[in-house]
N, C-alpha and C. Protein backbone atom coordinates (compact mmCIF):
# COMPACT_ATOMS: atom_id res chain seq x y z
N MET A 1 160.65 208.52 191.95
CA MET A 1 160.93 207.59 193.03
C MET A 1 160.01 207.86 194.22
N ARG A 2 159.83 209.16 194.50
CA ARG A 2 158.99 209.53 195.63
C ARG A 2 157.54 209.08 195.39
N LEU A 3 157.05 209.24 194.16
CA LEU A 3 155.71 208.80 193.83
C LEU A 3 155.59 207.28 193.98
N PHE A 4 156.62 206.56 193.60
CA PHE A 4 156.64 205.11 193.73
C PHE A 4 156.51 204.71 195.21
N LEU A 5 157.29 205.36 196.08
CA LEU A 5 157.24 205.04 197.52
C LEU A 5 155.87 205.38 198.11
N LEU A 6 155.30 206.51 197.68
CA LEU A 6 153.97 206.86 198.17
C LEU A 6 152.92 205.85 197.74
N SER A 7 153.02 205.37 196.50
CA SER A 7 152.05 204.38 196.03
C SER A 7 152.22 203.05 196.77
N ILE A 8 153.46 202.67 197.11
CA ILE A 8 153.70 201.45 197.89
C ILE A 8 153.08 201.60 199.28
N CYS A 9 153.26 202.75 199.91
CA CYS A 9 152.68 203.01 201.24
C CYS A 9 151.15 202.95 201.17
N ALA A 10 150.57 203.55 200.12
CA ALA A 10 149.12 203.54 199.98
C ALA A 10 148.60 202.12 199.81
N LEU A 11 149.29 201.31 199.01
CA LEU A 11 148.89 199.91 198.85
C LEU A 11 148.98 199.16 200.17
N GLY A 12 150.01 199.44 200.94
CA GLY A 12 150.16 198.80 202.26
C GLY A 12 149.01 199.15 203.18
N LEU A 13 148.61 200.43 203.17
CA LEU A 13 147.48 200.85 204.01
C LEU A 13 146.18 200.19 203.56
N LEU A 14 145.97 200.09 202.25
CA LEU A 14 144.77 199.43 201.74
C LEU A 14 144.75 197.96 202.15
N ALA A 15 145.87 197.28 202.02
CA ALA A 15 145.95 195.86 202.40
C ALA A 15 145.71 195.70 203.89
N SER A 16 146.28 196.59 204.69
CA SER A 16 146.10 196.54 206.14
C SER A 16 144.63 196.75 206.50
N SER A 17 143.98 197.69 205.83
CA SER A 17 142.57 197.96 206.08
C SER A 17 141.72 196.75 205.68
N ALA A 18 142.04 196.13 204.56
CA ALA A 18 141.30 194.95 204.11
C ALA A 18 141.48 193.80 205.10
N LEU A 19 142.69 193.61 205.61
CA LEU A 19 142.95 192.56 206.59
C LEU A 19 142.18 192.83 207.87
N ALA A 20 142.13 194.08 208.30
CA ALA A 20 141.39 194.43 209.51
C ALA A 20 139.90 194.13 209.32
N GLN A 21 139.34 194.51 208.15
CA GLN A 21 137.94 194.21 207.88
C GLN A 21 137.70 192.71 207.86
N SER A 22 138.58 191.97 207.20
CA SER A 22 138.46 190.52 207.13
C SER A 22 138.52 189.91 208.52
N SER A 23 139.42 190.39 209.38
CA SER A 23 139.55 189.87 210.74
C SER A 23 138.30 190.15 211.55
N ARG A 24 137.71 191.32 211.37
CA ARG A 24 136.50 191.67 212.12
C ARG A 24 135.39 190.69 211.77
N VAL A 25 135.18 190.46 210.50
CA VAL A 25 134.13 189.55 210.07
C VAL A 25 134.43 188.15 210.57
N ARG A 26 135.65 187.70 210.42
CA ARG A 26 135.99 186.33 210.79
C ARG A 26 135.85 186.10 212.29
N ALA A 27 136.20 187.06 213.13
CA ALA A 27 136.08 186.88 214.58
C ALA A 27 134.61 186.68 214.95
N ARG A 28 133.72 187.34 214.26
CA ARG A 28 132.29 187.22 214.56
C ARG A 28 131.68 185.99 213.91
N GLU A 29 132.45 185.24 213.13
CA GLU A 29 131.96 184.01 212.51
C GLU A 29 132.36 182.76 213.29
N ILE A 30 132.94 182.94 214.46
CA ILE A 30 133.32 181.80 215.29
C ILE A 30 132.07 181.00 215.65
N ALA A 31 132.14 179.69 215.51
CA ALA A 31 131.02 178.82 215.88
C ALA A 31 131.31 178.19 217.24
N TRP A 32 130.41 178.36 218.18
CA TRP A 32 130.57 177.82 219.53
C TRP A 32 129.69 176.60 219.71
N HIS A 33 130.16 175.67 220.55
CA HIS A 33 129.34 174.51 220.87
C HIS A 33 129.69 173.97 222.26
N THR A 34 128.76 173.21 222.81
CA THR A 34 128.98 172.53 224.08
C THR A 34 128.96 171.03 223.83
N PHE A 35 129.65 170.32 224.69
CA PHE A 35 129.63 168.85 224.65
C PHE A 35 129.43 168.37 226.08
N VAL A 36 128.47 167.49 226.27
CA VAL A 36 128.18 166.93 227.59
C VAL A 36 128.26 165.42 227.48
N GLY A 37 128.97 164.80 228.41
CA GLY A 37 129.07 163.34 228.43
C GLY A 37 129.18 162.82 229.85
N GLY A 38 128.59 161.67 230.09
CA GLY A 38 128.67 161.06 231.41
C GLY A 38 128.01 159.69 231.39
N LEU A 39 128.17 158.96 232.48
CA LEU A 39 127.60 157.62 232.55
C LEU A 39 126.08 157.64 232.53
N ALA A 40 125.48 158.61 233.21
CA ALA A 40 124.02 158.67 233.31
C ALA A 40 123.38 159.50 232.20
N THR A 41 124.18 160.13 231.35
CA THR A 41 123.63 160.95 230.27
C THR A 41 124.20 160.47 228.94
N SER A 42 123.41 160.61 227.89
CA SER A 42 123.95 160.29 226.58
C SER A 42 124.79 161.48 226.11
N SER A 43 125.91 161.19 225.48
CA SER A 43 126.80 162.25 225.01
C SER A 43 126.09 163.09 223.95
N ALA A 44 126.26 164.40 224.05
CA ALA A 44 125.59 165.28 223.10
C ALA A 44 126.44 166.52 222.84
N ARG A 45 126.54 166.88 221.56
CA ARG A 45 127.21 168.11 221.15
C ARG A 45 126.13 169.04 220.63
N SER A 46 126.12 170.28 221.13
CA SER A 46 125.09 171.24 220.73
C SER A 46 125.71 172.55 220.30
N ALA A 47 125.23 173.08 219.18
CA ALA A 47 125.67 174.40 218.72
C ALA A 47 124.97 175.45 219.58
N ILE A 48 125.68 176.54 219.88
CA ILE A 48 125.11 177.63 220.68
C ILE A 48 125.41 178.96 220.01
N GLY A 49 124.62 179.97 220.33
CA GLY A 49 124.83 181.32 219.80
C GLY A 49 125.79 182.11 220.67
N ASP A 50 125.85 183.42 220.46
CA ASP A 50 126.77 184.29 221.20
C ASP A 50 126.23 184.75 222.55
N GLU A 51 124.94 184.58 222.79
CA GLU A 51 124.33 185.05 224.03
C GLU A 51 124.50 184.04 225.16
N PRO A 52 124.34 184.47 226.42
CA PRO A 52 124.45 183.54 227.55
C PRO A 52 123.37 182.46 227.47
N GLY A 53 123.65 181.34 228.10
CA GLY A 53 122.67 180.26 228.08
C GLY A 53 122.96 179.19 229.12
N ARG A 54 122.04 178.25 229.22
CA ARG A 54 122.17 177.13 230.15
C ARG A 54 122.46 175.86 229.35
N ILE A 55 123.06 174.89 230.02
CA ILE A 55 123.40 173.62 229.40
C ILE A 55 122.57 172.54 230.07
N ASP A 56 121.89 171.73 229.27
CA ASP A 56 121.05 170.65 229.80
C ASP A 56 121.93 169.50 230.26
N LEU A 57 121.89 169.22 231.56
CA LEU A 57 122.65 168.11 232.13
C LEU A 57 121.74 166.97 232.57
N GLY A 58 120.52 166.97 232.10
CA GLY A 58 119.58 165.91 232.47
C GLY A 58 119.26 165.95 233.95
N GLU A 59 119.38 164.81 234.61
CA GLU A 59 119.03 164.68 236.03
C GLU A 59 120.18 165.03 236.97
N SER A 60 121.27 165.54 236.47
CA SER A 60 122.43 165.85 237.31
C SER A 60 122.09 166.89 238.37
N ALA A 61 122.74 166.77 239.53
CA ALA A 61 122.57 167.76 240.60
C ALA A 61 123.31 169.06 240.26
N TRP A 62 124.18 169.03 239.25
CA TRP A 62 124.91 170.21 238.80
C TRP A 62 124.05 171.01 237.84
N SER A 63 124.24 172.30 237.81
CA SER A 63 123.64 173.16 236.78
C SER A 63 124.77 173.96 236.15
N CYS A 64 124.75 174.08 234.83
CA CYS A 64 125.84 174.76 234.12
C CYS A 64 125.28 175.78 233.14
N GLY A 65 126.10 176.76 232.85
CA GLY A 65 125.75 177.78 231.88
C GLY A 65 127.00 178.42 231.31
N PHE A 66 126.81 179.27 230.33
CA PHE A 66 127.94 179.95 229.69
C PHE A 66 127.60 181.42 229.51
N ALA A 67 128.64 182.24 229.57
CA ALA A 67 128.49 183.69 229.42
C ALA A 67 128.42 184.07 227.94
N ARG A 68 128.08 185.32 227.70
CA ARG A 68 128.07 185.80 226.31
C ARG A 68 129.50 185.86 225.78
N THR A 69 129.62 185.90 224.48
CA THR A 69 130.93 185.98 223.84
C THR A 69 131.52 187.37 224.04
N ARG A 70 132.80 187.42 224.37
CA ARG A 70 133.52 188.69 224.52
C ARG A 70 134.61 188.75 223.45
N PHE A 71 134.73 189.91 222.82
CA PHE A 71 135.69 190.11 221.73
C PHE A 71 136.79 191.07 222.16
N ALA A 72 138.01 190.83 221.69
CA ALA A 72 139.13 191.75 221.95
C ALA A 72 139.97 191.85 220.68
N GLY A 73 140.35 193.05 220.34
CA GLY A 73 141.23 193.26 219.19
C GLY A 73 140.57 193.05 217.85
N VAL A 74 139.24 192.94 217.83
CA VAL A 74 138.55 192.73 216.56
C VAL A 74 138.76 193.96 215.69
N GLY A 75 139.07 193.73 214.43
CA GLY A 75 139.37 194.83 213.52
C GLY A 75 140.86 194.99 213.33
N THR A 76 141.63 194.15 213.99
CA THR A 76 143.08 194.15 213.83
C THR A 76 143.48 192.81 213.23
N SER A 77 144.74 192.64 212.93
CA SER A 77 145.19 191.38 212.35
C SER A 77 145.34 190.28 213.40
N GLU A 78 145.26 190.64 214.68
CA GLU A 78 145.30 189.65 215.76
C GLU A 78 144.14 189.94 216.70
N TRP A 79 143.26 188.94 216.91
CA TRP A 79 142.09 189.14 217.73
C TRP A 79 141.84 187.90 218.58
N SER A 80 140.97 188.05 219.57
CA SER A 80 140.59 186.90 220.38
C SER A 80 139.13 187.03 220.80
N VAL A 81 138.52 185.89 221.03
CA VAL A 81 137.17 185.82 221.57
C VAL A 81 137.21 184.83 222.72
N GLN A 82 136.40 185.09 223.74
CA GLN A 82 136.39 184.18 224.88
C GLN A 82 135.01 184.09 225.51
N ARG A 83 134.81 182.99 226.24
CA ARG A 83 133.57 182.76 226.98
C ARG A 83 133.89 182.01 228.25
N VAL A 84 133.08 182.23 229.26
CA VAL A 84 133.24 181.53 230.53
C VAL A 84 132.18 180.44 230.64
N LEU A 85 132.61 179.26 231.05
CA LEU A 85 131.74 178.13 231.37
C LEU A 85 131.72 178.03 232.89
N ALA A 86 130.55 178.00 233.50
CA ALA A 86 130.45 177.91 234.96
C ALA A 86 129.39 176.88 235.34
N CYS A 87 129.71 176.11 236.39
CA CYS A 87 128.77 175.10 236.89
C CYS A 87 128.64 175.24 238.39
N ARG A 88 127.45 174.92 238.89
CA ARG A 88 127.17 175.08 240.32
C ARG A 88 126.44 173.84 240.83
N ARG A 89 126.78 173.50 242.06
CA ARG A 89 126.06 172.45 242.80
C ARG A 89 126.00 172.92 244.24
N GLY A 90 124.81 173.25 244.70
CA GLY A 90 124.68 173.82 246.04
C GLY A 90 125.42 175.14 246.10
N GLU A 91 126.32 175.28 247.07
CA GLU A 91 127.11 176.50 247.22
C GLU A 91 128.41 176.45 246.40
N ALA A 92 128.75 175.29 245.86
CA ALA A 92 130.01 175.13 245.12
C ALA A 92 129.86 175.61 243.68
N THR A 93 130.81 176.42 243.22
CA THR A 93 130.83 176.89 241.84
C THR A 93 132.22 176.65 241.26
N VAL A 94 132.27 176.12 240.06
CA VAL A 94 133.54 175.95 239.34
C VAL A 94 133.38 176.61 237.98
N SER A 95 134.49 177.10 237.43
CA SER A 95 134.41 177.75 236.12
C SER A 95 135.71 177.56 235.35
N SER A 96 135.61 177.78 234.06
CA SER A 96 136.77 177.71 233.17
C SER A 96 136.47 178.63 231.98
N THR A 97 137.52 179.06 231.30
CA THR A 97 137.36 179.97 230.17
C THR A 97 137.81 179.31 228.87
N ALA A 98 136.99 179.41 227.85
CA ALA A 98 137.34 178.94 226.51
C ALA A 98 137.70 180.16 225.68
N TRP A 99 138.68 180.01 224.79
CA TRP A 99 139.03 181.13 223.92
C TRP A 99 139.50 180.64 222.56
N CYS A 100 139.35 181.51 221.60
CA CYS A 100 139.87 181.31 220.25
C CYS A 100 140.56 182.61 219.87
N ARG A 101 141.61 182.49 219.09
CA ARG A 101 142.29 183.71 218.66
C ARG A 101 143.01 183.50 217.34
N LEU A 102 143.24 184.61 216.68
CA LEU A 102 144.08 184.65 215.50
C LEU A 102 145.37 185.31 215.95
N HIS A 103 146.46 184.57 215.91
CA HIS A 103 147.75 185.06 216.40
C HIS A 103 148.82 184.72 215.38
N ARG A 104 149.48 185.75 214.88
CA ARG A 104 150.53 185.58 213.87
C ARG A 104 150.04 184.77 212.66
N GLY A 105 148.80 185.04 212.29
CA GLY A 105 148.23 184.40 211.11
C GLY A 105 147.71 182.99 211.32
N HIS A 106 147.74 182.49 212.56
CA HIS A 106 147.29 181.13 212.83
C HIS A 106 146.12 181.14 213.81
N PHE A 107 145.15 180.27 213.58
CA PHE A 107 144.01 180.14 214.47
C PHE A 107 144.38 179.21 215.62
N GLU A 108 144.10 179.65 216.85
CA GLU A 108 144.37 178.84 218.04
C GLU A 108 143.09 178.74 218.85
N GLU A 109 142.90 177.58 219.50
CA GLU A 109 141.68 177.35 220.26
C GLU A 109 142.00 176.65 221.57
N HIS A 110 141.32 177.08 222.64
CA HIS A 110 141.46 176.44 223.95
C HIS A 110 140.06 176.20 224.49
N ALA A 111 139.70 174.93 224.67
CA ALA A 111 138.37 174.58 225.17
C ALA A 111 138.34 174.68 226.69
N ALA A 112 137.18 175.01 227.22
CA ALA A 112 136.94 174.98 228.67
C ALA A 112 136.28 173.64 228.97
N THR A 113 136.88 172.86 229.84
CA THR A 113 136.33 171.55 230.21
C THR A 113 136.24 171.44 231.72
N LEU A 114 135.09 171.03 232.21
CA LEU A 114 134.89 170.81 233.64
C LEU A 114 134.44 169.37 233.85
N SER A 115 135.12 168.67 234.75
CA SER A 115 134.76 167.32 235.14
C SER A 115 134.05 167.43 236.48
N LEU A 116 132.77 167.11 236.50
CA LEU A 116 131.93 167.35 237.67
C LEU A 116 131.58 166.05 238.38
N GLY A 117 131.90 165.98 239.65
CA GLY A 117 131.61 164.78 240.43
C GLY A 117 132.81 163.86 240.49
N THR A 118 132.59 162.67 240.99
CA THR A 118 133.65 161.67 241.15
C THR A 118 133.69 160.77 239.93
N THR A 119 134.86 160.64 239.33
CA THR A 119 135.02 159.79 238.15
C THR A 119 134.55 158.38 238.46
N GLY A 120 133.75 157.82 237.59
CA GLY A 120 133.23 156.47 237.77
C GLY A 120 131.85 156.43 238.40
N ASP A 121 131.47 157.47 239.13
CA ASP A 121 130.12 157.53 239.71
C ASP A 121 129.09 157.77 238.60
N ALA A 122 127.89 157.29 238.83
CA ALA A 122 126.82 157.45 237.85
C ALA A 122 126.51 158.93 237.60
N GLU A 123 126.72 159.77 238.62
CA GLU A 123 126.40 161.20 238.47
C GLU A 123 127.54 162.01 237.85
N HIS A 124 128.69 161.40 237.61
CA HIS A 124 129.82 162.13 237.02
C HIS A 124 129.45 162.60 235.62
N VAL A 125 129.77 163.84 235.31
CA VAL A 125 129.51 164.40 233.99
C VAL A 125 130.67 165.32 233.60
N THR A 126 131.01 165.31 232.33
CA THR A 126 132.04 166.21 231.80
C THR A 126 131.37 167.18 230.84
N VAL A 127 131.67 168.46 231.03
CA VAL A 127 131.06 169.51 230.21
C VAL A 127 132.18 170.29 229.52
N THR A 128 132.05 170.49 228.22
CA THR A 128 133.07 171.22 227.45
C THR A 128 132.40 172.34 226.65
N LEU A 129 133.06 173.47 226.63
CA LEU A 129 132.65 174.62 225.80
C LEU A 129 133.82 174.92 224.88
N SER A 130 133.59 174.92 223.58
CA SER A 130 134.70 175.19 222.65
C SER A 130 134.20 175.88 221.40
N CYS A 131 135.15 176.29 220.58
CA CYS A 131 134.81 177.03 219.37
C CYS A 131 135.49 176.41 218.15
N ASP A 132 134.92 176.67 217.02
CA ASP A 132 135.46 176.22 215.74
C ASP A 132 135.94 177.45 214.98
N PRO A 133 136.96 177.28 214.15
CA PRO A 133 137.47 178.43 213.38
C PRO A 133 136.43 178.95 212.40
N PRO A 134 136.57 180.20 212.00
CA PRO A 134 135.66 180.76 210.99
C PRO A 134 135.79 179.98 209.69
N ARG A 135 134.70 179.94 208.95
CA ARG A 135 134.75 179.28 207.64
C ARG A 135 135.67 180.06 206.72
N ARG A 136 136.42 179.34 205.94
CA ARG A 136 137.36 180.02 205.03
C ARG A 136 136.86 180.00 203.63
């Protein structure tokens, strides 16, 4: 009986280790993209890597960029990744955070969206930073 219990515990540890490895790989497989839309710009969705970068807003007076990807809890059965989207016009800066996570076995996503300027104006632009789940 004791040997049986030890073998069950060993199998549990192996499964836990495999899940942790799987979670680590999957967290790093998150696909990030930006979406820009406005009256004066054609809507465009662009794939981006994990490093910081700038977002092309055409002739807009705003300039936007995104931070590098940050990971938390990778290697566990519950992890999260996040990035900051920030836009500036003159001295004004606005920002929002996008995140994806694996929580209780389910993938959850929250996009960062900034609406820049006055709605209806030709210079109004909406910028979104979001992620897609890892390929299964």
